[in-house]
Amino acid sequence: MVELFNHSKNGIARFRGAAEGGVVLIFAIALIPMLLLGGVVIDYGTNTNARQQAQNAVDATVLSLAKLPTATTDAVLSDKATKQVTAAMAKSQAAEMTVVTVRSGDTIRVTVTGTTPTTLTRLAGFTSMPLSVSGVSRRGSGNLEIALVLDNTGSMRGTKLANLKAAATDLVNSLFAEVDPAKPNALRMAVVPFSMTVNVGAGNAAASWIDKDGLASYHSQIFASKANRLTLFGKLGVAWGGCVEGRPMPYDVAETAATQATADSLFVPYFAPDESDYDGSAVNDYLADYPFPSGLLVLDNRVRQGQVAKYGTAWKVSKTDRYGGPNGYFYGPNAGCELQPITPLTNSKATLTSAVGAMTVSGDTNIPLGLVWGWHALSPIGPLVKGAEYTDATVRKFVVLMTDGQNQISNTLSSNGSFYSGTSYIWANRVGTVSSDPGTRTAALDGRLATLCANMKSAGIQIFTVRVEVTDGTSDLLRSCATSPSMFFDIADSSDLTTAFRAIGAQISELRISR
């Protein structure tokens, strides 16, 4: 019996050992596909990461190639593509990479092929996984219309103006370097210097959009009786300087066509009136404004200021004298109108760089007045040289607005309570307030600017805004005016303007290229 028990016990032990061995064998066999599956997951992830890196490198490369001059040879394109992709992929796990660049007409295609190494997938005989990505850009796809709206106020004097000129010139040169010589109208640009007015050019005195006949209600607003400003310039023997007043609301923030049928849509010539001899704080007293035709002595300063009959009399001060010293305004009807004229849309790089180089400074800051003329420069309904129709899908329109200050209407001690400017005097209520408080005046102009920005963006104008060395107020208004947050630049030092303008040029180029 004992022998039978021992025999049975040994049999059970042998069965158990055989069973355990079978389990191990089965587990080992099952582990192989599990390892392969895990390896596939790991290796596929590695390949996916490398592929995304390669796609990013290719996308950046085709964009940079599309910005090169059209005269760039295929060999140079290929070399630049290979170097740029290789540098971007230096830390990736991709191997055996080949970069192929093919140009066909305006289209540039860059293709990258290679492999990524495997780990556990090698158990199935796969030593690598393939990688292949490509990117396409179309050089100069679409045309550009760009208006540079540049602050030329008195606070820009000196280093800031020099830095602005350098930055704007660099932007013009870099954008024109990308233009296909066979497509001269692929890029047209305008330059709009502004301060408290803008200069549209004295040569436009007879233009249909100028109120040369004194029809607009605001044409005679500063006078005691109906007047024609261009006629008064003639009586004074002074040429109109080319500056204009801003249109009254709501035309001040609109692109409404200027017509005689809607007289207030016309643009009224800028005319700084002779201020009263009896106003001890007068800013622009350049004529002897007495006696009155009636022979009466009138002491009310604004009544004396508004008399039309005095124009044509002898100058009271020299035509070369300035109010407030060498940096002040010239006395006379063009006081404050020392800006360079607007340069309408042109495809001449030389014309644009010359206009930028000639910019001068004068006056307070009226951003909406400058910005609306940036819009007028691009608008298909003019004035000036008309922009392309908004329905033309081949054209993109941009404004680059740069300013170093807040909106401002200075408060003077004179009877007018302000300097004469493109919004007349503060008492004319052209901006929605007659307040003597500087903050209220700024807020009124800010409100007009906010409305203008919204109107321009609704029309399809894309806006870049650049705020330079502004230490008071907030950047909220200019940030919200920009089409997107990335299109707003807050510059603490004007020496960084060139860097900011180059970033703007890069964004414009990327928006121009379709991938």
Protein backbone atom coordinates (compact mmCIF):
# COMPACT_ATOMS: atom_id res chain seq x y z
CA MET A 1 0.00 0.00 0.00
CA VAL A 2 2.83 2.34 0.90
CA GLU A 3 4.55 1.56 -2.39
CA LEU A 4 1.37 2.31 -4.32
CA PHE A 5 1.01 5.66 -2.52
CA ASN A 6 4.59 6.66 -3.27
CA HIS A 7 4.16 5.75 -6.94
CA SER A 8 1.05 7.90 -7.18
CA LYS A 9 2.77 10.81 -5.45
CA ASN A 10 5.68 10.71 -7.90
CA GLY A 11 3.26 10.66 -10.84
CA ILE A 12 1.44 13.71 -9.59
CA ALA A 13 4.73 15.55 -9.14
CA ARG A 14 5.81 14.69 -12.69
CA PHE A 15 2.44 15.94 -14.04
CA ARG A 16 2.71 19.14 -12.11
CA GLY A 17 6.20 19.78 -13.45
CA ALA A 18 5.08 19.02 -16.99
CA ALA A 19 2.08 21.32 -16.61
CA GLU A 20 4.17 24.19 -15.27
CA GLY A 21 6.60 23.79 -18.10
CA GLY A 22 3.78 23.97 -20.60
CA VAL A 23 2.47 27.18 -19.06
CA VAL A 24 5.89 28.75 -19.31
CA LEU A 25 6.13 27.68 -22.93
CA ILE A 26 2.68 29.02 -23.73
CA PHE A 27 3.47 32.34 -21.95
CA ALA A 28 6.74 32.62 -23.80
CA ILE A 29 5.02 32.06 -27.11
CA ALA A 30 2.31 34.61 -26.23
CA LEU A 31 4.91 37.19 -25.12
CA ILE A 32 6.41 37.51 -28.59
CA PRO A 33 3.39 39.23 -30.23
CA MET A 34 2.94 41.31 -27.09
CA LEU A 35 6.52 42.52 -27.38
CA LEU A 36 6.05 43.16 -31.09
CA LEU A 37 2.87 45.13 -30.39
CA GLY A 38 4.62 47.21 -27.75
CA GLY A 39 7.52 47.75 -30.09
CA VAL A 40 5.19 48.89 -32.86
CA VAL A 41 3.60 51.44 -30.50
CA ILE A 42 6.99 52.77 -29.40
CA ASP A 43 8.49 52.83 -32.89
CA TYR A 44 5.38 54.34 -34.46
CA GLY A 45 5.44 57.11 -31.85
CA THR A 46 9.08 57.80 -32.64
CA ASN A 47 8.29 57.89 -36.35
CA THR A 48 5.30 60.18 -35.81
CA ASN A 49 7.35 62.65 -33.77
CA ALA A 50 10.11 62.70 -36.37
CA ARG A 51 7.56 63.13 -39.16
CA GLN A 52 6.01 66.14 -37.39
CA GLN A 53 9.44 67.68 -36.88
CA ALA A 54 10.20 67.15 -40.55
CA GLN A 55 6.86 68.66 -41.60
CA ASN A 56 7.49 71.74 -39.47
CA ALA A 57 10.99 72.06 -40.95
CA VAL A 58 9.67 71.70 -44.51
CA ASP A 59 6.84 74.21 -43.97
CA ALA A 60 9.27 76.80 -42.63
CA THR A 61 11.69 76.08 -45.44
CA VAL A 62 9.25 76.46 -48.33
CA LEU A 63 8.06 79.76 -46.87
CA SER A 64 11.60 81.07 -46.62
CA LEU A 65 12.40 79.91 -50.17
CA ALA A 66 9.29 81.65 -51.51
CA LYS A 67 10.57 84.94 -50.08
CA LEU A 68 13.88 84.78 -51.96
CA PRO A 69 14.34 86.91 -55.09
CA THR A 70 12.95 85.33 -58.23
CA ALA A 71 16.44 85.37 -59.77
CA THR A 72 17.60 82.79 -57.20
CA THR A 73 18.89 79.71 -59.04
CA ASP A 74 17.59 76.18 -58.55
CA ALA A 75 20.98 75.16 -57.16
CA VAL A 76 20.85 77.90 -54.50
CA LEU A 77 17.27 76.98 -53.61
CA SER A 78 18.24 73.33 -53.20
CA ASP A 79 21.29 74.17 -51.11
CA LYS A 80 19.36 76.49 -48.79
CA ALA A 81 16.57 73.94 -48.39
CA THR A 82 18.98 71.14 -47.51
CA LYS A 83 20.85 73.25 -44.97
CA GLN A 84 17.70 74.61 -43.35
CA VAL A 85 15.96 71.23 -43.04
CA THR A 86 19.16 69.51 -41.84
CA ALA A 87 19.68 72.16 -39.16
CA ALA A 88 16.08 71.92 -38.00
CA MET A 89 16.28 68.10 -37.78
CA ALA A 90 19.68 67.95 -36.07
CA LYS A 91 18.26 66.62 -32.79
CA SER A 92 15.63 64.33 -34.27
CA GLN A 93 15.87 60.55 -34.58
CA ALA A 94 15.48 60.65 -38.35
CA ALA A 95 18.26 59.03 -40.36
CA GLU A 96 19.26 58.65 -44.01
CA MET A 97 17.48 61.93 -44.84
CA THR A 98 17.27 63.21 -48.39
CA VAL A 99 16.00 66.71 -49.22
CA VAL A 100 14.71 67.30 -52.75
CA THR A 101 13.69 70.77 -53.96
CA VAL A 102 11.75 71.22 -57.18
CA ARG A 103 10.67 74.56 -58.67
CA SER A 104 7.94 74.68 -61.32
CA GLY A 105 6.94 78.19 -62.33
CA ASP A 106 5.87 80.02 -59.15
CA THR A 107 5.58 76.79 -57.16
CA ILE A 108 8.36 75.44 -54.95
CA ARG A 109 8.08 71.92 -53.48
CA VAL A 110 10.41 70.52 -50.84
CA THR A 111 10.27 66.78 -50.08
CA VAL A 112 12.11 65.05 -47.24
CA THR A 113 12.53 61.26 -47.11
CA GLY A 114 14.33 59.18 -44.55
CA THR A 115 13.87 56.55 -41.86
CA THR A 116 13.54 56.23 -38.11
CA PRO A 117 15.15 53.33 -36.19
CA THR A 118 13.14 50.55 -34.57
CA THR A 119 13.47 48.84 -31.20
CA LEU A 120 11.47 45.69 -30.40
CA THR A 121 10.02 45.67 -33.92
CA ARG A 122 13.40 44.33 -34.98
CA LEU A 123 12.20 40.95 -33.64
CA ALA A 124 10.00 40.74 -36.72
CA GLY A 125 12.83 41.77 -39.03
CA PHE A 126 12.00 45.50 -39.34
CA THR A 127 15.17 47.54 -38.73
CA SER A 128 13.63 50.95 -39.61
CA MET A 129 10.39 52.73 -40.46
CA PRO A 130 10.02 54.99 -43.51
CA LEU A 131 9.52 58.78 -43.25
CA SER A 132 8.31 61.05 -46.04
CA VAL A 133 6.86 64.59 -45.92
CA SER A 134 6.55 67.47 -48.37
CA GLY A 135 5.53 71.12 -48.46
CA VAL A 136 4.56 73.48 -51.24
CA SER A 137 4.61 77.27 -51.49
CA ARG A 138 3.62 79.51 -54.32
CA ARG A 139 5.97 82.44 -54.71
CA GLY A 140 4.22 85.80 -54.82
CA SER A 141 0.75 84.34 -54.87
CA GLY A 142 -1.55 87.32 -54.70
CA ASN A 143 -0.84 91.04 -54.85
CA LEU A 144 -0.24 93.38 -51.94
CA GLU A 145 -1.37 96.93 -51.20
CA ILE A 146 0.26 98.36 -48.07
CA ALA A 147 -0.08 101.79 -46.47
CA LEU A 148 2.55 102.90 -43.97
CA VAL A 149 0.81 105.35 -41.60
CA LEU A 150 3.67 106.97 -39.69
CA ASP A 151 3.61 109.37 -36.74
CA ASN A 152 5.43 112.61 -37.62
CA THR A 153 4.44 114.59 -34.53
CA GLY A 154 6.82 116.88 -32.67
CA SER A 155 7.68 114.21 -30.09
CA MET A 156 9.28 112.14 -32.87
CA ARG A 157 12.01 114.74 -33.34
CA GLY A 158 15.59 113.47 -33.27
CA THR A 159 16.55 109.84 -32.67
CA LYS A 160 13.04 108.45 -32.91
CA LEU A 161 12.49 109.92 -36.36
CA ALA A 162 15.88 108.66 -37.53
CA ASN A 163 15.07 105.15 -36.27
CA LEU A 164 11.63 105.28 -37.90
CA LYS A 165 13.15 106.26 -41.24
CA ALA A 166 15.66 103.41 -41.02
CA ALA A 167 12.98 100.85 -40.10
CA ALA A 168 10.50 101.96 -42.76
CA THR A 169 13.20 102.03 -45.45
CA ASP A 170 14.32 98.54 -44.46
CA LEU A 171 10.72 97.27 -44.67
CA VAL A 172 10.20 98.78 -48.12
CA ASN A 173 13.47 97.32 -49.41
CA SER A 174 12.78 93.84 -48.00
CA LEU A 175 9.25 93.66 -49.41
CA PHE A 176 10.35 94.79 -52.86
CA ALA A 177 13.19 92.24 -52.81
CA GLU A 178 10.52 89.52 -52.97
CA VAL A 179 8.69 90.96 -55.98
CA ASP A 180 8.84 89.14 -59.29
CA PRO A 181 10.17 91.66 -61.87
CA ALA A 182 7.74 90.16 -64.37
CA LYS A 183 4.85 91.24 -62.10
CA PRO A 184 5.53 94.91 -61.29
CA ASN A 185 2.09 95.49 -59.77
CA ALA A 186 2.37 92.58 -57.34
CA LEU A 187 3.30 95.14 -54.65
CA ARG A 188 2.07 98.70 -54.31
CA MET A 189 2.73 100.79 -51.22
CA ALA A 190 1.74 104.20 -49.87
CA VAL A 191 3.31 106.42 -47.21
CA VAL A 192 1.03 108.52 -44.98
CA PRO A 193 2.88 110.86 -42.59
CA PHE A 194 0.53 112.35 -39.99
CA SER A 195 0.44 114.58 -36.94
CA MET A 196 -2.58 116.80 -36.19
CA THR A 197 -3.28 116.95 -39.93
CA VAL A 198 -2.14 115.26 -43.14
CA ASN A 199 -0.73 116.75 -46.32
CA VAL A 200 -2.45 115.43 -49.45
CA GLY A 201 -0.26 117.51 -51.77
CA ALA A 202 -0.79 121.07 -52.97
CA GLY A 203 -1.06 119.76 -56.51
CA ASN A 204 -4.52 118.39 -55.64
CA ALA A 205 -6.07 121.84 -55.18
CA ALA A 206 -8.32 121.31 -58.22
CA ALA A 207 -9.14 117.65 -57.47
CA SER A 208 -12.81 116.68 -57.51
CA TRP A 209 -12.67 115.54 -53.88
CA ILE A 210 -11.34 118.89 -52.59
CA ASP A 211 -13.96 121.44 -51.50
CA LYS A 212 -12.59 124.12 -53.78
CA ASP A 213 -15.95 125.97 -54.02
CA GLY A 214 -16.66 126.26 -50.30
CA LEU A 215 -19.73 123.98 -50.36
CA ALA A 216 -19.20 121.98 -47.17
CA SER A 217 -20.85 123.21 -43.98
CA TYR A 218 -17.54 123.09 -42.16
CA HIS A 219 -15.69 125.09 -44.81
CA SER A 220 -16.72 128.45 -43.27
CA GLN A 221 -17.00 127.26 -39.67
CA ILE A 222 -14.00 129.33 -38.50
CA PHE A 223 -15.19 132.50 -40.25
CA ALA A 224 -17.88 135.03 -39.41
CA SER A 225 -19.31 134.75 -42.93
CA LYS A 226 -19.14 132.43 -45.93
CA ALA A 227 -15.63 132.17 -47.34
CA ASN A 228 -13.56 130.22 -49.82
CA ARG A 229 -10.28 129.17 -48.27
CA LEU A 230 -8.38 128.72 -51.53
CA THR A 231 -9.46 132.21 -52.56
CA LEU A 232 -8.17 133.62 -49.26
CA PHE A 233 -4.80 131.94 -49.83
CA GLY A 234 -4.66 133.76 -53.14
CA LYS A 235 -5.47 137.11 -51.52
CA LEU A 236 -2.71 136.59 -48.99
CA GLY A 237 -0.25 135.72 -51.74
CA VAL A 238 0.46 132.41 -50.02
CA ALA A 239 0.30 129.00 -51.68
CA TRP A 240 -1.92 126.42 -50.00
CA GLY A 241 0.40 123.99 -48.24
CA GLY A 242 -1.61 120.89 -49.21
CA CYS A 243 -2.98 119.96 -45.78
CA VAL A 244 -6.67 119.21 -45.19
CA GLU A 245 -9.04 119.12 -42.27
CA GLY A 246 -10.64 115.88 -41.22
CA ARG A 247 -14.22 115.44 -42.38
CA PRO A 248 -17.06 115.90 -39.86
CA MET A 249 -18.71 112.91 -38.21
CA PRO A 250 -19.58 110.31 -39.46
CA TYR A 251 -17.42 110.80 -42.56
CA ASP A 252 -14.30 111.15 -40.39
CA VAL A 253 -14.13 107.37 -39.85
CA ALA A 254 -15.56 106.22 -43.18
CA GLU A 255 -14.38 105.77 -46.77
CA THR A 256 -17.48 107.50 -48.16
CA ALA A 257 -16.79 108.86 -51.63
CA ALA A 258 -16.33 112.64 -51.75
CA THR A 259 -19.04 114.22 -53.91
CA GLN A 260 -20.54 117.69 -54.31
CA ALA A 261 -23.97 116.12 -53.90
CA THR A 262 -22.98 115.32 -50.30
CA ALA A 263 -20.93 118.45 -49.62
CA ASP A 264 -19.70 117.43 -46.15
CA SER A 265 -18.04 114.39 -47.69
CA LEU A 266 -15.64 116.74 -49.51
CA PHE A 267 -12.21 117.49 -48.05
CA VAL A 268 -11.75 121.10 -46.92
CA PRO A 269 -8.35 122.79 -47.35
CA TYR A 270 -6.53 123.44 -44.08
CA PHE A 271 -6.51 127.17 -43.25
CA ALA A 272 -5.14 128.44 -39.93
CA PRO A 273 -6.95 131.74 -39.31
CA ASP A 274 -5.32 134.91 -38.08
CA GLU A 275 -6.01 135.05 -34.35
CA SER A 276 -7.06 138.24 -32.60
CA ASP A 277 -4.62 141.08 -31.94
CA TYR A 278 -6.32 141.51 -28.57
CA ASP A 279 -5.79 137.89 -27.48
CA GLY A 280 -2.65 137.99 -25.35
CA SER A 281 -2.35 134.18 -25.63
CA ALA A 282 -2.93 133.99 -29.37
CA VAL A 283 -0.85 131.34 -31.11
CA ASN A 284 -1.07 132.44 -34.74
CA ASP A 285 -1.55 136.22 -34.86
CA TYR A 286 -0.13 137.18 -38.23
CA LEU A 287 -2.34 140.05 -39.55
CA ALA A 288 -3.45 143.45 -38.38
CA ASP A 289 -7.14 142.61 -37.88
CA TYR A 290 -8.47 146.17 -37.36
CA PRO A 291 -10.18 148.48 -38.03
CA PHE A 292 -13.39 146.66 -38.84
CA PRO A 293 -15.16 147.61 -42.05
CA SER A 294 -17.82 149.27 -39.94
CA GLY A 295 -15.22 151.30 -38.12
CA LEU A 296 -16.30 149.88 -34.79
CA LEU A 297 -13.86 148.62 -32.21
CA VAL A 298 -14.71 144.97 -31.48
CA LEU A 299 -12.97 143.29 -28.55
CA ASP A 300 -14.40 139.78 -28.84
CA ASN A 301 -11.41 137.73 -29.90
CA ARG A 302 -13.24 135.06 -31.90
CA VAL A 303 -15.30 137.69 -33.70
CA ARG A 304 -12.12 139.52 -34.70
CA GLN A 305 -10.50 136.23 -35.67
CA GLY A 306 -13.38 135.28 -37.96
CA GLN A 307 -13.52 138.40 -40.11
CA VAL A 308 -12.98 137.53 -43.77
CA ALA A 309 -12.23 141.04 -45.03
CA LYS A 310 -8.85 141.30 -43.27
CA TYR A 311 -7.23 138.67 -45.51
CA GLY A 312 -5.23 140.29 -48.23
CA THR A 313 -3.85 142.96 -45.91
CA ALA A 314 -0.18 143.29 -45.04
CA TRP A 315 1.49 140.63 -42.93
CA LYS A 316 1.99 141.64 -39.34
CA VAL A 317 4.96 139.32 -38.81
CA SER A 318 7.65 137.92 -41.03
CA LYS A 319 6.59 134.91 -43.10
CA THR A 320 9.67 133.08 -41.75
CA ASP A 321 8.92 133.69 -38.05
CA ARG A 322 7.81 130.84 -35.85
CA TYR A 323 5.57 130.74 -32.80
CA GLY A 324 7.40 129.48 -29.72
CA GLY A 325 10.92 129.40 -31.14
CA PRO A 326 12.77 127.44 -33.83
CA ASN A 327 10.70 124.27 -33.40
CA GLY A 328 7.34 126.04 -33.32
CA TYR A 329 4.81 126.60 -36.10
CA PHE A 330 5.33 129.08 -38.90
CA TYR A 331 2.97 132.00 -38.60
CA GLY A 332 0.34 132.15 -41.33
CA PRO A 333 -2.51 130.10 -42.82
CA ASN A 334 -0.31 127.00 -43.19
CA ALA A 335 0.75 126.98 -39.52
CA GLY A 336 1.21 123.34 -38.50
CA CYS A 337 1.25 122.11 -42.10
CA GLU A 338 4.91 121.26 -42.48
CA LEU A 339 4.46 117.55 -43.07
CA GLN A 340 5.66 115.73 -46.14
CA PRO A 341 2.76 114.98 -48.53
CA ILE A 342 1.15 111.57 -48.68
CA THR A 343 2.70 109.27 -51.25
CA PRO A 344 -0.19 107.44 -52.96
CA LEU A 345 0.01 103.76 -53.91
CA THR A 346 3.00 103.18 -56.15
CA ASN A 347 5.18 100.29 -57.30
CA SER A 348 8.28 102.52 -57.28
CA LYS A 349 10.63 101.58 -54.45
CA ALA A 350 12.70 104.70 -55.07
CA THR A 351 9.64 106.95 -54.70
CA LEU A 352 8.74 105.32 -51.40
CA THR A 353 12.21 105.40 -49.85
CA SER A 354 12.59 109.02 -50.92
CA ALA A 355 9.28 109.91 -49.24
CA VAL A 356 10.32 108.16 -46.03
CA GLY A 357 13.70 109.88 -46.03
CA ALA A 358 12.10 113.33 -46.44
CA MET A 359 9.76 113.05 -43.44
CA THR A 360 9.79 115.93 -40.95
CA VAL A 361 8.01 116.52 -37.63
CA SER A 362 5.41 119.00 -36.42
CA GLY A 363 2.29 119.15 -34.27
CA ASP A 364 0.15 117.09 -31.91
CA THR A 365 -1.09 113.51 -32.31
CA ASN A 366 -4.36 112.76 -34.10
CA ILE A 367 -4.16 109.03 -34.86
CA PRO A 368 -7.62 108.61 -36.45
CA LEU A 369 -6.91 111.41 -38.92
CA GLY A 370 -3.73 109.67 -40.06
CA LEU A 371 -5.23 106.18 -40.08
CA VAL A 372 -8.28 107.14 -42.12
CA TRP A 373 -5.95 108.47 -44.83
CA GLY A 374 -4.19 105.10 -44.78
CA TRP A 375 -7.62 103.67 -45.59
CA HIS A 376 -8.25 106.29 -48.26
CA ALA A 377 -4.94 105.32 -49.87
CA LEU A 378 -6.07 101.68 -50.16
CA SER A 379 -9.77 102.24 -50.85
CA PRO A 380 -11.14 101.49 -54.31
CA ILE A 381 -13.24 104.66 -54.10
CA GLY A 382 -10.25 106.90 -53.47
CA PRO A 383 -9.35 109.69 -53.20
CA LEU A 384 -5.76 109.77 -54.51
CA VAL A 385 -4.77 106.75 -56.61
CA LYS A 386 -7.48 104.16 -56.04
CA GLY A 387 -6.79 100.75 -54.54
CA ALA A 388 -8.02 97.48 -56.00
CA GLU A 389 -11.64 96.49 -55.55
CA TYR A 390 -12.38 94.59 -52.37
CA THR A 391 -13.88 91.85 -54.53
CA ASP A 392 -10.49 91.21 -56.15
CA ALA A 393 -9.46 87.99 -54.39
CA THR A 394 -5.90 88.30 -55.71
CA VAL A 395 -5.18 91.40 -53.58
CA ARG A 396 -4.56 91.66 -49.85
CA LYS A 397 -4.61 95.09 -48.18
CA PHE A 398 -2.56 96.03 -45.09
CA VAL A 399 -2.00 99.13 -42.98
CA VAL A 400 1.04 99.50 -40.74
CA LEU A 401 0.23 102.16 -38.12
CA MET A 402 3.09 103.47 -35.99
CA THR A 403 2.76 106.10 -33.26
CA ASP A 404 4.78 107.28 -30.28
CA GLY A 405 1.95 108.92 -28.36
CA GLN A 406 -1.65 109.10 -27.31
CA ASN A 407 -4.32 111.06 -29.13
CA GLN A 408 -4.04 114.68 -28.11
CA ILE A 409 -5.70 118.06 -28.56
CA SER A 410 -3.58 120.56 -26.62
CA ASN A 411 -5.32 123.06 -24.39
CA THR A 412 -4.04 126.62 -24.87
CA LEU A 413 -4.80 129.77 -22.88
CA SER A 414 -6.09 131.55 -25.97
CA SER A 415 -9.76 132.28 -26.59
CA ASN A 416 -9.84 129.23 -28.86
CA GLY A 417 -8.84 126.83 -26.09
CA SER A 418 -6.65 124.84 -28.51
CA PHE A 419 -4.32 125.07 -31.45
CA TYR A 420 -5.93 125.08 -34.87
CA SER A 421 -5.53 121.59 -36.37
CA GLY A 422 -7.07 119.09 -38.75
CA THR A 423 -10.08 119.00 -36.42
CA SER A 424 -10.30 122.83 -36.38
CA TYR A 425 -10.54 124.34 -32.88
CA ILE A 426 -11.99 122.41 -29.96
CA TRP A 427 -14.99 124.79 -29.83
CA ALA A 428 -16.01 123.59 -33.31
CA ASN A 429 -17.01 120.26 -31.71
CA ARG A 430 -15.58 118.15 -34.50
CA VAL A 431 -14.61 115.18 -32.31
CA GLY A 432 -17.68 114.97 -30.08
CA THR A 433 -16.58 117.23 -27.23
CA VAL A 434 -15.87 120.90 -26.47
CA SER A 435 -14.39 120.10 -23.07
CA SER A 436 -11.31 121.88 -21.76
CA ASP A 437 -10.20 118.69 -19.99
CA PRO A 438 -7.29 116.97 -21.81
CA GLY A 439 -8.46 113.51 -20.74
CA THR A 440 -11.92 114.09 -22.15
CA ARG A 441 -10.44 115.28 -25.43
CA THR A 442 -8.20 112.22 -25.66
CA ALA A 443 -11.14 109.93 -24.86
CA ALA A 444 -13.17 111.52 -27.67
CA LEU A 445 -10.42 110.91 -30.22
CA ASP A 446 -9.91 107.39 -28.85
CA GLY A 447 -13.58 106.68 -29.46
CA ARG A 448 -13.32 107.83 -33.07
CA LEU A 449 -10.21 105.65 -33.50
CA ALA A 450 -11.95 102.55 -32.12
CA THR A 451 -14.83 103.03 -34.55
CA LEU A 452 -12.44 103.62 -37.45
CA CYS A 453 -10.43 100.46 -36.71
CA ALA A 454 -13.63 98.40 -36.64
CA ASN A 455 -14.82 99.92 -39.93
CA MET A 456 -11.52 99.25 -41.68
CA LYS A 457 -11.34 95.65 -40.54
CA SER A 458 -14.93 95.09 -41.65
CA ALA A 459 -13.92 96.33 -45.10
CA GLY A 460 -11.14 93.74 -45.29
CA ILE A 461 -8.14 95.88 -44.32
CA GLN A 462 -5.65 94.05 -42.10
CA ILE A 463 -4.04 96.34 -39.53
CA PHE A 464 -0.66 96.18 -37.80
CA THR A 465 -0.16 98.62 -34.93
CA VAL A 466 3.17 99.68 -33.42
CA ARG A 467 3.38 101.65 -30.16
CA VAL A 468 6.80 103.19 -29.53
CA GLU A 469 8.19 104.53 -26.25
CA VAL A 470 4.77 105.36 -24.79
CA THR A 471 4.93 105.43 -21.00
CA ASP A 472 1.50 106.85 -20.16
CA GLY A 473 -1.93 105.39 -20.73
CA THR A 474 -2.46 101.79 -21.81
CA SER A 475 -1.84 99.82 -24.97
CA ASP A 476 -5.39 98.43 -25.02
CA LEU A 477 -6.68 100.67 -27.82
CA LEU A 478 -3.88 99.97 -30.30
CA ARG A 479 -3.84 96.29 -29.37
CA SER A 480 -7.57 96.00 -30.11
CA CYS A 481 -7.14 98.02 -33.30
CA ALA A 482 -4.73 95.42 -34.68
CA THR A 483 -6.32 92.60 -36.66
CA SER A 484 -4.89 90.00 -34.27
CA PRO A 485 -2.75 90.09 -31.08
CA SER A 486 0.31 89.01 -33.06
CA MET A 487 -0.09 92.11 -35.23
CA PHE A 488 0.40 94.51 -32.29
CA PHE A 489 3.91 95.58 -31.24
CA ASP A 490 4.70 97.53 -28.07
CA ILE A 491 8.26 98.87 -28.44
CA ALA A 492 10.04 100.27 -25.39
CA ASP A 493 12.96 101.68 -27.40
CA SER A 494 12.75 103.14 -30.89
CA SER A 495 16.05 101.43 -31.74
CA ASP A 496 14.00 98.21 -31.91
CA LEU A 497 11.73 99.56 -34.66
CA THR A 498 13.64 97.82 -37.44
CA THR A 499 13.24 94.46 -35.67
CA ALA A 500 9.50 95.06 -35.28
CA PHE A 501 9.08 96.14 -38.91
CA ARG A 502 10.98 93.06 -40.08
CA ALA A 503 8.60 90.89 -38.08
CA ILE A 504 5.72 92.70 -39.77
CA GLY A 505 7.26 92.13 -43.18
CA ALA A 506 7.64 88.42 -42.40
CA GLN A 507 3.98 88.17 -41.37
CA ILE A 508 2.84 89.95 -44.52
CA SER A 509 4.94 87.63 -46.67
CA GLU A 510 3.57 84.53 -44.95
CA LEU A 511 0.00 85.75 -45.32
CA ARG A 512 0.70 86.31 -49.01
CA ILE A 513 1.94 82.76 -49.65
CA SER A 514 -0.51 79.88 -49.97
CA ARG A 515 0.64 76.45 -48.92
